[in-house]
Amino acid sequence: MGSKAEELITSLAKDLVGDDTAELLKFLLKKRVEMTDEDIAKELNTKVNEIRKKLYLLAEHGFVSYRKTRDKESGLYIYYWKVNIDQINDLLINRKRLVLEKLKMRYEQEKETTYYYCPQDNILYTFEEALENEFKCPKCGSPLNYYDSEKTKTFLLYKINQLENEIDKETKRAASNS
């Protein structure tokens, strides 16, 4: 997994579980091996309970999983934690699908709506809003200019195609790995 993918994963984790917990995930991504919560705590010089809380939170969101064994001498359970690369890829693909849907909605909106803008305040108004205000900015009174949304539509289409290709590639890669 490349550093770009790791950055995406860490960014997604920050959104879902906060910065501190995302840092733990980043640490585990770099380690790439199964580790006990106690080993993680030692390496990060943190209390085991703190590490456990973060690990459970990461597990709740599907970022990590564990396997449990019983220590023969003490009878206590030992948890071995690892990053769920496959599940994270699914999370990333789903996140991209959400963004794709929003981009498509925005594109449709751009196609169906005519906009005007105030050259002073740089505020965008729909045709209806411009008409209501007699094509003058309600904020400063400047005459509104027609907004040509071709560049915006071209950019949105470019991003939509880019995301569709990424999702397609990643979905095929995930299917061939399973």
N, C-alpha and C. Protein backbone atom coordinates (compact mmCIF):
# COMPACT_ATOMS: atom_id res chain seq x y z
N MET A 1 0.86 -1.18 0.00
CA MET A 1 0.00 0.00 0.00
C MET A 1 0.89 1.23 0.00
N GLY A 2 0.66 2.13 -0.96
CA GLY A 2 1.49 3.32 -1.11
C GLY A 2 1.19 4.37 -0.05
N SER A 3 2.06 5.38 -0.01
CA SER A 3 1.89 6.42 1.01
C SER A 3 0.65 7.26 0.73
N LYS A 4 0.26 7.38 -0.56
CA LYS A 4 -0.95 8.14 -0.90
C LYS A 4 -2.18 7.45 -0.29
N ALA A 5 -2.21 6.13 -0.42
CA ALA A 5 -3.32 5.37 0.17
C ALA A 5 -3.31 5.50 1.69
N GLU A 6 -2.10 5.45 2.29
CA GLU A 6 -1.99 5.59 3.74
C GLU A 6 -2.48 6.96 4.19
N GLU A 7 -2.15 8.00 3.41
CA GLU A 7 -2.62 9.35 3.74
C GLU A 7 -4.14 9.42 3.69
N LEU A 8 -4.72 8.80 2.66
CA LEU A 8 -6.18 8.77 2.53
C LEU A 8 -6.82 8.07 3.72
N ILE A 9 -6.24 6.93 4.07
CA ILE A 9 -6.76 6.14 5.20
C ILE A 9 -6.67 6.96 6.49
N THR A 10 -5.50 7.59 6.71
CA THR A 10 -5.32 8.39 7.93
C THR A 10 -6.29 9.55 7.96
N SER A 11 -6.50 10.18 6.81
CA SER A 11 -7.43 11.31 6.72
C SER A 11 -8.86 10.85 7.03
N LEU A 12 -9.24 9.71 6.48
CA LEU A 12 -10.57 9.15 6.75
C LEU A 12 -10.70 8.82 8.24
N ALA A 13 -9.66 8.23 8.81
CA ALA A 13 -9.67 7.89 10.23
C ALA A 13 -9.82 9.14 11.10
N LYS A 14 -9.11 10.22 10.73
CA LYS A 14 -9.22 11.47 11.50
C LYS A 14 -10.66 11.95 11.52
N ASP A 15 -11.33 11.87 10.37
CA ASP A 15 -12.74 12.27 10.30
C ASP A 15 -13.62 11.42 11.20
N LEU A 16 -13.33 10.13 11.25
CA LEU A 16 -14.21 9.20 11.97
C LEU A 16 -13.86 9.01 13.45
N VAL A 17 -12.56 9.03 13.78
CA VAL A 17 -12.18 8.69 15.16
C VAL A 17 -11.30 9.74 15.85
N GLY A 18 -10.97 10.82 15.15
CA GLY A 18 -10.16 11.88 15.76
C GLY A 18 -8.67 11.70 15.52
N ASP A 19 -7.93 12.79 15.74
CA ASP A 19 -6.49 12.82 15.43
C ASP A 19 -5.66 11.81 16.21
N ASP A 20 -5.88 11.75 17.54
CA ASP A 20 -5.05 10.86 18.38
C ASP A 20 -5.17 9.41 17.94
N THR A 21 -6.39 8.98 17.74
CA THR A 21 -6.63 7.59 17.35
C THR A 21 -6.12 7.32 15.94
N ALA A 22 -6.23 8.32 15.06
CA ALA A 22 -5.71 8.19 13.70
C ALA A 22 -4.19 8.02 13.73
N GLU A 23 -3.54 8.67 14.68
CA GLU A 23 -2.07 8.52 14.82
C GLU A 23 -1.71 7.08 15.16
N LEU A 24 -2.52 6.43 15.98
CA LEU A 24 -2.28 5.03 16.32
C LEU A 24 -2.43 4.16 15.07
N LEU A 25 -3.44 4.45 14.26
CA LEU A 25 -3.63 3.71 13.02
C LEU A 25 -2.43 3.89 12.10
N LYS A 26 -1.93 5.12 12.02
CA LYS A 26 -0.76 5.43 11.20
C LYS A 26 0.44 4.58 11.66
N PHE A 27 0.61 4.49 12.97
CA PHE A 27 1.69 3.68 13.57
C PHE A 27 1.54 2.22 13.14
N LEU A 28 0.32 1.69 13.24
CA LEU A 28 0.07 0.29 12.88
C LEU A 28 0.27 0.05 11.38
N LEU A 29 -0.09 1.03 10.56
CA LEU A 29 0.11 0.90 9.11
C LEU A 29 1.60 0.80 8.79
N LYS A 30 2.41 1.57 9.52
CA LYS A 30 3.86 1.53 9.29
C LYS A 30 4.46 0.20 9.77
N LYS A 31 3.96 -0.31 10.88
CA LYS A 31 4.46 -1.57 11.45
C LYS A 31 4.17 -2.77 10.55
N ARG A 32 2.95 -2.81 10.03
CA ARG A 32 2.52 -3.89 9.13
C ARG A 32 2.59 -5.30 9.74
N VAL A 33 2.63 -5.39 11.04
CA VAL A 33 2.63 -6.72 11.69
C VAL A 33 1.58 -6.73 12.79
N GLU A 34 1.20 -7.95 13.17
CA GLU A 34 0.28 -8.12 14.28
C GLU A 34 1.02 -7.77 15.57
N MET A 35 0.38 -7.01 16.46
CA MET A 35 1.03 -6.63 17.72
C MET A 35 0.03 -6.73 18.87
N THR A 36 0.55 -7.00 20.05
CA THR A 36 -0.34 -6.99 21.22
C THR A 36 -0.52 -5.55 21.67
N ASP A 37 -1.62 -5.30 22.38
CA ASP A 37 -1.86 -3.95 22.88
C ASP A 37 -0.73 -3.51 23.83
N GLU A 38 -0.18 -4.48 24.57
CA GLU A 38 0.91 -4.15 25.50
C GLU A 38 2.18 -3.74 24.76
N ASP A 39 2.51 -4.45 23.67
CA ASP A 39 3.69 -4.08 22.87
C ASP A 39 3.51 -2.69 22.25
N ILE A 40 2.30 -2.43 21.78
CA ILE A 40 2.02 -1.12 21.17
C ILE A 40 2.21 -0.03 22.24
N ALA A 41 1.64 -0.27 23.43
CA ALA A 41 1.74 0.71 24.52
C ALA A 41 3.21 0.97 24.88
N LYS A 42 4.01 -0.11 24.95
CA LYS A 42 5.44 0.05 25.26
C LYS A 42 6.14 0.89 24.21
N GLU A 43 5.91 0.55 22.94
CA GLU A 43 6.59 1.27 21.86
C GLU A 43 6.18 2.73 21.79
N LEU A 44 4.93 3.01 22.11
CA LEU A 44 4.44 4.39 22.03
C LEU A 44 4.54 5.11 23.38
N ASN A 45 5.08 4.40 24.37
CA ASN A 45 5.25 4.96 25.71
C ASN A 45 3.93 5.56 26.23
N THR A 46 2.87 4.74 26.13
CA THR A 46 1.53 5.16 26.53
C THR A 46 0.93 4.08 27.41
N LYS A 47 -0.06 4.45 28.22
CA LYS A 47 -0.73 3.47 29.07
C LYS A 47 -1.52 2.49 28.21
N VAL A 48 -1.51 1.22 28.62
CA VAL A 48 -2.21 0.16 27.88
C VAL A 48 -3.70 0.49 27.75
N ASN A 49 -4.30 1.01 28.81
CA ASN A 49 -5.74 1.33 28.75
C ASN A 49 -6.05 2.36 27.67
N GLU A 50 -5.17 3.36 27.54
CA GLU A 50 -5.34 4.38 26.49
C GLU A 50 -5.30 3.72 25.11
N ILE A 51 -4.32 2.85 24.92
CA ILE A 51 -4.15 2.15 23.64
C ILE A 51 -5.38 1.28 23.37
N ARG A 52 -5.84 0.56 24.38
CA ARG A 52 -7.01 -0.32 24.20
C ARG A 52 -8.24 0.47 23.76
N LYS A 53 -8.48 1.62 24.42
CA LYS A 53 -9.63 2.46 24.05
C LYS A 53 -9.57 2.82 22.57
N LYS A 54 -8.40 3.25 22.13
CA LYS A 54 -8.21 3.66 20.74
C LYS A 54 -8.36 2.47 19.79
N LEU A 55 -7.82 1.32 20.18
CA LEU A 55 -7.92 0.12 19.35
C LEU A 55 -9.38 -0.31 19.18
N TYR A 56 -10.15 -0.25 20.27
CA TYR A 56 -11.57 -0.63 20.18
C TYR A 56 -12.33 0.34 19.27
N LEU A 57 -11.98 1.62 19.36
CA LEU A 57 -12.61 2.61 18.50
C LEU A 57 -12.27 2.35 17.03
N LEU A 58 -11.01 2.04 16.77
CA LEU A 58 -10.59 1.72 15.39
C LEU A 58 -11.29 0.45 14.90
N ALA A 59 -11.43 -0.53 15.79
CA ALA A 59 -12.09 -1.79 15.42
C ALA A 59 -13.57 -1.55 15.11
N GLU A 60 -14.20 -0.67 15.90
CA GLU A 60 -15.61 -0.33 15.70
C GLU A 60 -15.86 0.19 14.29
N HIS A 61 -14.88 0.93 13.75
CA HIS A 61 -15.01 1.51 12.41
C HIS A 61 -14.41 0.63 11.32
N GLY A 62 -13.92 -0.56 11.71
CA GLY A 62 -13.42 -1.50 10.72
C GLY A 62 -11.98 -1.30 10.29
N PHE A 63 -11.24 -0.41 10.96
CA PHE A 63 -9.85 -0.16 10.57
C PHE A 63 -8.90 -1.27 11.03
N VAL A 64 -9.18 -1.85 12.20
CA VAL A 64 -8.32 -2.91 12.74
C VAL A 64 -9.17 -4.08 13.21
N SER A 65 -8.50 -5.22 13.36
CA SER A 65 -9.18 -6.38 13.94
C SER A 65 -8.18 -7.06 14.87
N TYR A 66 -8.66 -8.00 15.64
CA TYR A 66 -7.78 -8.69 16.57
C TYR A 66 -8.09 -10.18 16.58
N ARG A 67 -7.10 -10.93 17.05
CA ARG A 67 -7.36 -12.33 17.38
C ARG A 67 -6.95 -12.49 18.83
N LYS A 68 -7.65 -13.41 19.49
CA LYS A 68 -7.51 -13.55 20.93
C LYS A 68 -6.96 -14.94 21.24
N THR A 69 -5.92 -14.99 22.09
CA THR A 69 -5.40 -16.29 22.56
C THR A 69 -5.30 -16.22 24.08
N ARG A 70 -5.27 -17.40 24.69
CA ARG A 70 -5.16 -17.44 26.15
C ARG A 70 -3.73 -17.78 26.54
N ASP A 71 -3.18 -16.99 27.45
CA ASP A 71 -1.84 -17.23 27.96
C ASP A 71 -1.88 -18.48 28.84
N LYS A 72 -1.05 -19.45 28.52
CA LYS A 72 -1.09 -20.73 29.26
C LYS A 72 -0.75 -20.58 30.73
N GLU A 73 0.19 -19.70 31.03
CA GLU A 73 0.62 -19.54 32.43
C GLU A 73 -0.38 -18.73 33.26
N SER A 74 -0.77 -17.55 32.76
CA SER A 74 -1.62 -16.68 33.58
C SER A 74 -3.11 -16.94 33.37
N GLY A 75 -3.44 -17.57 32.23
CA GLY A 75 -4.86 -17.79 31.93
C GLY A 75 -5.55 -16.56 31.36
N LEU A 76 -4.81 -15.45 31.25
CA LEU A 76 -5.39 -14.22 30.71
C LEU A 76 -5.41 -14.25 29.19
N TYR A 77 -6.33 -13.46 28.62
CA TYR A 77 -6.38 -13.36 27.16
C TYR A 77 -5.34 -12.38 26.66
N ILE A 78 -4.74 -12.72 25.53
CA ILE A 78 -3.81 -11.81 24.86
C ILE A 78 -4.45 -11.46 23.52
N TYR A 79 -4.52 -10.16 23.23
CA TYR A 79 -5.10 -9.70 21.98
C TYR A 79 -3.99 -9.29 21.01
N TYR A 80 -4.06 -9.83 19.80
CA TYR A 80 -3.12 -9.46 18.74
C TYR A 80 -3.88 -8.61 17.72
N TRP A 81 -3.41 -7.39 17.51
CA TRP A 81 -4.10 -6.42 16.66
C TRP A 81 -3.40 -6.25 15.33
N LYS A 82 -4.20 -6.05 14.28
CA LYS A 82 -3.62 -5.75 12.97
C LYS A 82 -4.58 -4.88 12.17
N VAL A 83 -4.01 -4.21 11.17
CA VAL A 83 -4.80 -3.33 10.30
C VAL A 83 -5.58 -4.18 9.30
N ASN A 84 -6.85 -3.82 9.07
CA ASN A 84 -7.71 -4.51 8.09
C ASN A 84 -7.59 -3.87 6.72
N ILE A 85 -6.56 -4.19 6.00
CA ILE A 85 -6.32 -3.52 4.72
C ILE A 85 -7.52 -3.67 3.78
N ASP A 86 -8.06 -4.89 3.62
CA ASP A 86 -9.18 -5.11 2.69
C ASP A 86 -10.40 -4.28 3.07
N GLN A 87 -10.74 -4.31 4.34
CA GLN A 87 -11.91 -3.57 4.80
C GLN A 87 -11.72 -2.07 4.63
N ILE A 88 -10.48 -1.60 4.84
CA ILE A 88 -10.18 -0.18 4.68
C ILE A 88 -10.35 0.21 3.22
N ASN A 89 -9.91 -0.67 2.31
CA ASN A 89 -10.10 -0.39 0.88
C ASN A 89 -11.58 -0.23 0.56
N ASP A 90 -12.41 -1.09 1.15
CA ASP A 90 -13.86 -0.96 0.95
C ASP A 90 -14.38 0.38 1.48
N LEU A 91 -13.87 0.77 2.67
CA LEU A 91 -14.26 2.05 3.26
C LEU A 91 -13.89 3.20 2.31
N LEU A 92 -12.67 3.14 1.75
CA LEU A 92 -12.21 4.19 0.85
C LEU A 92 -13.06 4.25 -0.42
N ILE A 93 -13.35 3.08 -0.97
CA ILE A 93 -14.17 3.03 -2.19
C ILE A 93 -15.55 3.61 -1.91
N ASN A 94 -16.14 3.26 -0.77
CA ASN A 94 -17.46 3.79 -0.41
C ASN A 94 -17.43 5.30 -0.21
N ARG A 95 -16.34 5.78 0.38
CA ARG A 95 -16.17 7.23 0.59
C ARG A 95 -16.11 7.93 -0.78
N LYS A 96 -15.36 7.32 -1.71
CA LYS A 96 -15.25 7.90 -3.05
C LYS A 96 -16.60 7.89 -3.77
N ARG A 97 -17.38 6.84 -3.54
CA ARG A 97 -18.71 6.77 -4.16
C ARG A 97 -19.61 7.91 -3.67
N LEU A 98 -19.50 8.21 -2.38
CA LEU A 98 -20.27 9.32 -1.80
C LEU A 98 -19.88 10.65 -2.45
N VAL A 99 -18.57 10.87 -2.57
CA VAL A 99 -18.07 12.10 -3.20
C VAL A 99 -18.55 12.16 -4.65
N LEU A 100 -18.49 11.03 -5.33
CA LEU A 100 -18.93 10.95 -6.72
C LEU A 100 -20.40 11.37 -6.86
N GLU A 101 -21.25 10.86 -5.97
CA GLU A 101 -22.67 11.22 -6.00
C GLU A 101 -22.86 12.72 -5.83
N LYS A 102 -22.11 13.31 -4.89
CA LYS A 102 -22.22 14.75 -4.64
C LYS A 102 -21.77 15.54 -5.87
N LEU A 103 -20.68 15.09 -6.51
CA LEU A 103 -20.19 15.77 -7.71
C LEU A 103 -21.23 15.70 -8.84
N LYS A 104 -21.86 14.53 -8.98
CA LYS A 104 -22.88 14.37 -10.03
C LYS A 104 -24.08 15.29 -9.77
N MET A 105 -24.48 15.38 -8.49
CA MET A 105 -25.60 16.27 -8.13
C MET A 105 -25.23 17.72 -8.44
N ARG A 106 -24.01 18.10 -8.10
CA ARG A 106 -23.54 19.47 -8.35
C ARG A 106 -23.50 19.74 -9.86
N TYR A 107 -23.05 18.76 -10.63
CA TYR A 107 -22.98 18.90 -12.09
C TYR A 107 -24.39 19.14 -12.67
N GLU A 108 -25.34 18.33 -12.21
CA GLU A 108 -26.73 18.48 -12.68
C GLU A 108 -27.25 19.87 -12.33
N GLN A 109 -26.94 20.32 -11.13
CA GLN A 109 -27.36 21.64 -10.68
C GLN A 109 -26.76 22.73 -11.59
N GLU A 110 -25.47 22.58 -11.91
CA GLU A 110 -24.79 23.54 -12.79
C GLU A 110 -25.43 23.55 -14.18
N LYS A 111 -25.83 22.36 -14.66
CA LYS A 111 -26.43 22.24 -15.99
C LYS A 111 -27.79 22.92 -16.05
N GLU A 112 -28.54 22.79 -14.95
CA GLU A 112 -29.93 23.25 -14.96
C GLU A 112 -30.12 24.69 -14.49
N THR A 113 -29.10 25.28 -13.88
CA THR A 113 -29.27 26.60 -13.28
C THR A 113 -28.40 27.64 -13.98
N THR A 114 -28.96 28.82 -14.17
CA THR A 114 -28.20 29.95 -14.69
C THR A 114 -27.81 30.80 -13.49
N TYR A 115 -26.54 31.25 -13.48
CA TYR A 115 -26.05 32.03 -12.34
C TYR A 115 -25.62 33.42 -12.77
N TYR A 116 -25.68 34.34 -11.81
CA TYR A 116 -25.15 35.69 -11.96
C TYR A 116 -24.28 35.95 -10.75
N TYR A 117 -23.28 36.83 -10.91
CA TYR A 117 -22.40 37.11 -9.77
C TYR A 117 -22.17 38.60 -9.63
N CYS A 118 -21.82 38.98 -8.41
CA CYS A 118 -21.49 40.37 -8.11
C CYS A 118 -19.98 40.53 -8.28
N PRO A 119 -19.54 41.42 -9.16
CA PRO A 119 -18.10 41.60 -9.37
C PRO A 119 -17.40 42.22 -8.14
N GLN A 120 -18.17 42.89 -7.29
CA GLN A 120 -17.59 43.51 -6.08
C GLN A 120 -17.40 42.48 -4.96
N ASP A 121 -18.49 41.79 -4.65
CA ASP A 121 -18.49 40.86 -3.50
C ASP A 121 -18.15 39.43 -3.89
N ASN A 122 -18.14 39.15 -5.20
CA ASN A 122 -17.85 37.80 -5.70
C ASN A 122 -18.84 36.76 -5.17
N ILE A 123 -20.10 37.15 -5.02
CA ILE A 123 -21.14 36.24 -4.53
C ILE A 123 -21.94 35.76 -5.73
N LEU A 124 -22.26 34.47 -5.73
CA LEU A 124 -23.01 33.86 -6.83
C LEU A 124 -24.50 33.84 -6.48
N TYR A 125 -25.35 34.19 -7.46
CA TYR A 125 -26.80 34.17 -7.28
C TYR A 125 -27.43 33.36 -8.40
N THR A 126 -28.52 32.66 -8.09
CA THR A 126 -29.26 31.95 -9.13
C THR A 126 -30.01 33.00 -9.97
N PHE A 127 -30.50 32.58 -11.12
CA PHE A 127 -31.26 33.49 -11.99
C PHE A 127 -32.45 34.07 -11.23
N GLU A 128 -33.14 33.21 -10.46
CA GLU A 128 -34.32 33.65 -9.70
C GLU A 128 -33.95 34.74 -8.69
N GLU A 129 -32.83 34.52 -7.97
CA GLU A 129 -32.39 35.51 -6.98
C GLU A 129 -32.02 36.82 -7.67
N ALA A 130 -31.33 36.71 -8.81
CA ALA A 130 -30.93 37.91 -9.56
C ALA A 130 -32.16 38.67 -10.03
N LEU A 131 -33.13 37.93 -10.54
CA LEU A 131 -34.38 38.54 -11.04
C LEU A 131 -35.11 39.27 -9.91
N GLU A 132 -35.22 38.61 -8.75
CA GLU A 132 -35.87 39.20 -7.57
C GLU A 132 -35.24 40.54 -7.19
N ASN A 133 -33.93 40.64 -7.36
CA ASN A 133 -33.19 41.85 -6.97
C ASN A 133 -32.91 42.77 -8.16
N GLU A 134 -33.68 42.58 -9.24
CA GLU A 134 -33.53 43.38 -10.45
C GLU A 134 -32.09 43.39 -10.98
N PHE A 135 -31.43 42.27 -10.87
CA PHE A 135 -30.06 42.06 -11.35
C PHE A 135 -29.06 43.03 -10.72
N LYS A 136 -29.36 43.38 -9.45
CA LYS A 136 -28.42 44.20 -8.65
C LYS A 136 -28.07 43.40 -7.41
N CYS A 137 -26.84 43.53 -6.96
CA CYS A 137 -26.40 42.81 -5.75
C CYS A 137 -27.17 43.31 -4.55
N PRO A 138 -27.84 42.39 -3.81
CA PRO A 138 -28.61 42.81 -2.64
C PRO A 138 -27.70 43.34 -1.52
N LYS A 139 -26.41 43.01 -1.60
CA LYS A 139 -25.48 43.41 -0.55
C LYS A 139 -24.92 44.82 -0.79
N CYS A 140 -24.48 45.07 -2.08
CA CYS A 140 -23.80 46.35 -2.33
C CYS A 140 -24.45 47.19 -3.45
N GLY A 141 -25.43 46.61 -4.14
CA GLY A 141 -26.13 47.37 -5.17
C GLY A 141 -25.47 47.35 -6.55
N SER A 142 -24.30 46.72 -6.69
CA SER A 142 -23.62 46.64 -8.00
C SER A 142 -24.45 45.83 -8.98
N PRO A 143 -24.36 46.16 -10.28
CA PRO A 143 -25.06 45.35 -11.28
C PRO A 143 -24.45 43.94 -11.33
N LEU A 144 -25.30 42.93 -11.44
CA LEU A 144 -24.82 41.54 -11.48
C LEU A 144 -24.41 41.18 -12.90
N ASN A 145 -23.37 40.35 -13.03
CA ASN A 145 -22.90 39.87 -14.33
C ASN A 145 -23.32 38.42 -14.52
N TYR A 146 -23.53 38.04 -15.78
CA TYR A 146 -23.84 36.65 -16.10
C TYR A 146 -22.62 35.80 -15.76
N TYR A 147 -22.83 34.64 -15.15
CA TYR A 147 -21.74 33.73 -14.78
C TYR A 147 -21.72 32.57 -15.77
N ASP A 148 -20.63 32.45 -16.49
CA ASP A 148 -20.47 31.35 -17.45
C ASP A 148 -19.94 30.14 -16.69
N SER A 149 -20.76 29.11 -16.55
CA SER A 149 -20.37 27.95 -15.73
C SER A 149 -19.72 26.83 -16.55
N GLU A 150 -19.33 27.11 -17.79
CA GLU A 150 -18.70 26.07 -18.62
C GLU A 150 -17.45 25.49 -17.98
N LYS A 151 -16.59 26.35 -17.43
CA LYS A 151 -15.34 25.88 -16.80
C LYS A 151 -15.67 24.98 -15.60
N THR A 152 -16.66 25.40 -14.84
CA THR A 152 -17.07 24.63 -13.66
C THR A 152 -17.60 23.26 -14.11
N LYS A 153 -18.45 23.25 -15.13
CA LYS A 153 -19.02 21.99 -15.63
C LYS A 153 -17.92 21.08 -16.18
N THR A 154 -16.96 21.67 -16.92
CA THR A 154 -15.85 20.88 -17.47
C THR A 154 -15.03 20.27 -16.35
N PHE A 155 -14.73 21.08 -15.32
CA PHE A 155 -13.95 20.60 -14.19
C PHE A 155 -14.71 19.48 -13.45
N LEU A 156 -16.01 19.68 -13.21
CA LEU A 156 -16.81 18.67 -12.52
C LEU A 156 -16.83 17.36 -13.31
N LEU A 157 -17.00 17.46 -14.63
CA LEU A 157 -16.99 16.25 -15.48
C LEU A 157 -15.65 15.54 -15.39
N TYR A 158 -14.57 16.32 -15.42
CA TYR A 158 -13.23 15.75 -15.30
C TYR A 158 -13.09 14.98 -13.98
N LYS A 159 -13.51 15.60 -12.87
CA LYS A 159 -13.43 14.96 -11.54
C LYS A 159 -14.32 13.72 -11.46
N ILE A 160 -15.51 13.81 -12.05
CA ILE A 160 -16.44 12.68 -12.06
C ILE A 160 -15.81 11.49 -12.79
N ASN A 161 -15.25 11.74 -13.98
CA ASN A 161 -14.59 10.67 -14.75
C ASN A 161 -13.40 10.10 -14.00
N GLN A 162 -12.61 10.98 -13.40
CA GLN A 162 -11.43 10.54 -12.63
C GLN A 162 -11.85 9.61 -11.49
N LEU A 163 -12.86 10.01 -10.73
CA LEU A 163 -13.34 9.20 -9.61
C LEU A 163 -13.94 7.88 -10.08
N GLU A 164 -14.73 7.93 -11.17
CA GLU A 164 -15.33 6.70 -11.69
C GLU A 164 -14.24 5.71 -12.09
N ASN A 165 -13.17 6.21 -12.73
CA ASN A 165 -12.05 5.34 -13.12
C ASN A 165 -11.35 4.75 -11.90
N GLU A 166 -11.10 5.59 -10.89
CA GLU A 166 -10.45 5.11 -9.66
C GLU A 166 -11.29 4.03 -9.00
N ILE A 167 -12.59 4.28 -8.85
CA ILE A 167 -13.50 3.33 -8.20
C ILE A 167 -13.51 2.02 -8.99
N ASP A 168 -13.58 2.14 -10.32
CA ASP A 168 -13.59 0.97 -11.19
C ASP A 168 -12.32 0.13 -11.01
N LYS A 169 -11.16 0.80 -11.05
CA LYS A 169 -9.87 0.10 -10.89
C LYS A 169 -9.77 -0.56 -9.53
N GLU A 170 -10.13 0.20 -8.49
CA GLU A 170 -10.01 -0.33 -7.12
C GLU A 170 -10.99 -1.46 -6.86
N THR A 171 -12.17 -1.38 -7.45
CA THR A 171 -13.15 -2.45 -7.28
C THR A 171 -12.65 -3.73 -7.97
N LYS A 172 -12.08 -3.56 -9.18
CA LYS A 172 -11.53 -4.72 -9.89
C LYS A 172 -10.34 -5.32 -9.14
N ARG A 173 -9.46 -4.44 -8.60
CA ARG A 173 -8.28 -4.89 -7.85
C ARG A 173 -8.74 -5.67 -6.60
N ALA A 174 -9.74 -5.13 -5.91
CA ALA A 174 -10.25 -5.78 -4.70
C ALA A 174 -10.85 -7.15 -5.04
N ALA A 175 -11.55 -7.22 -6.18
CA ALA A 175 -12.17 -8.48 -6.59
C ALA A 175 -11.10 -9.51 -6.97
N SER A 176 -10.02 -9.07 -7.60
CA SER A 176 -8.98 -10.03 -8.01
C SER A 176 -8.13 -10.48 -6.82
N ASN A 177 -8.10 -9.68 -5.74
CA ASN A 177 -7.34 -10.07 -4.54
C ASN A 177 -8.09 -11.03 -3.64
N SER A 178 -9.43 -11.09 -3.81
CA SER A 178 -10.20 -11.95 -2.89
C SER A 178 -10.41 -13.33 -3.46
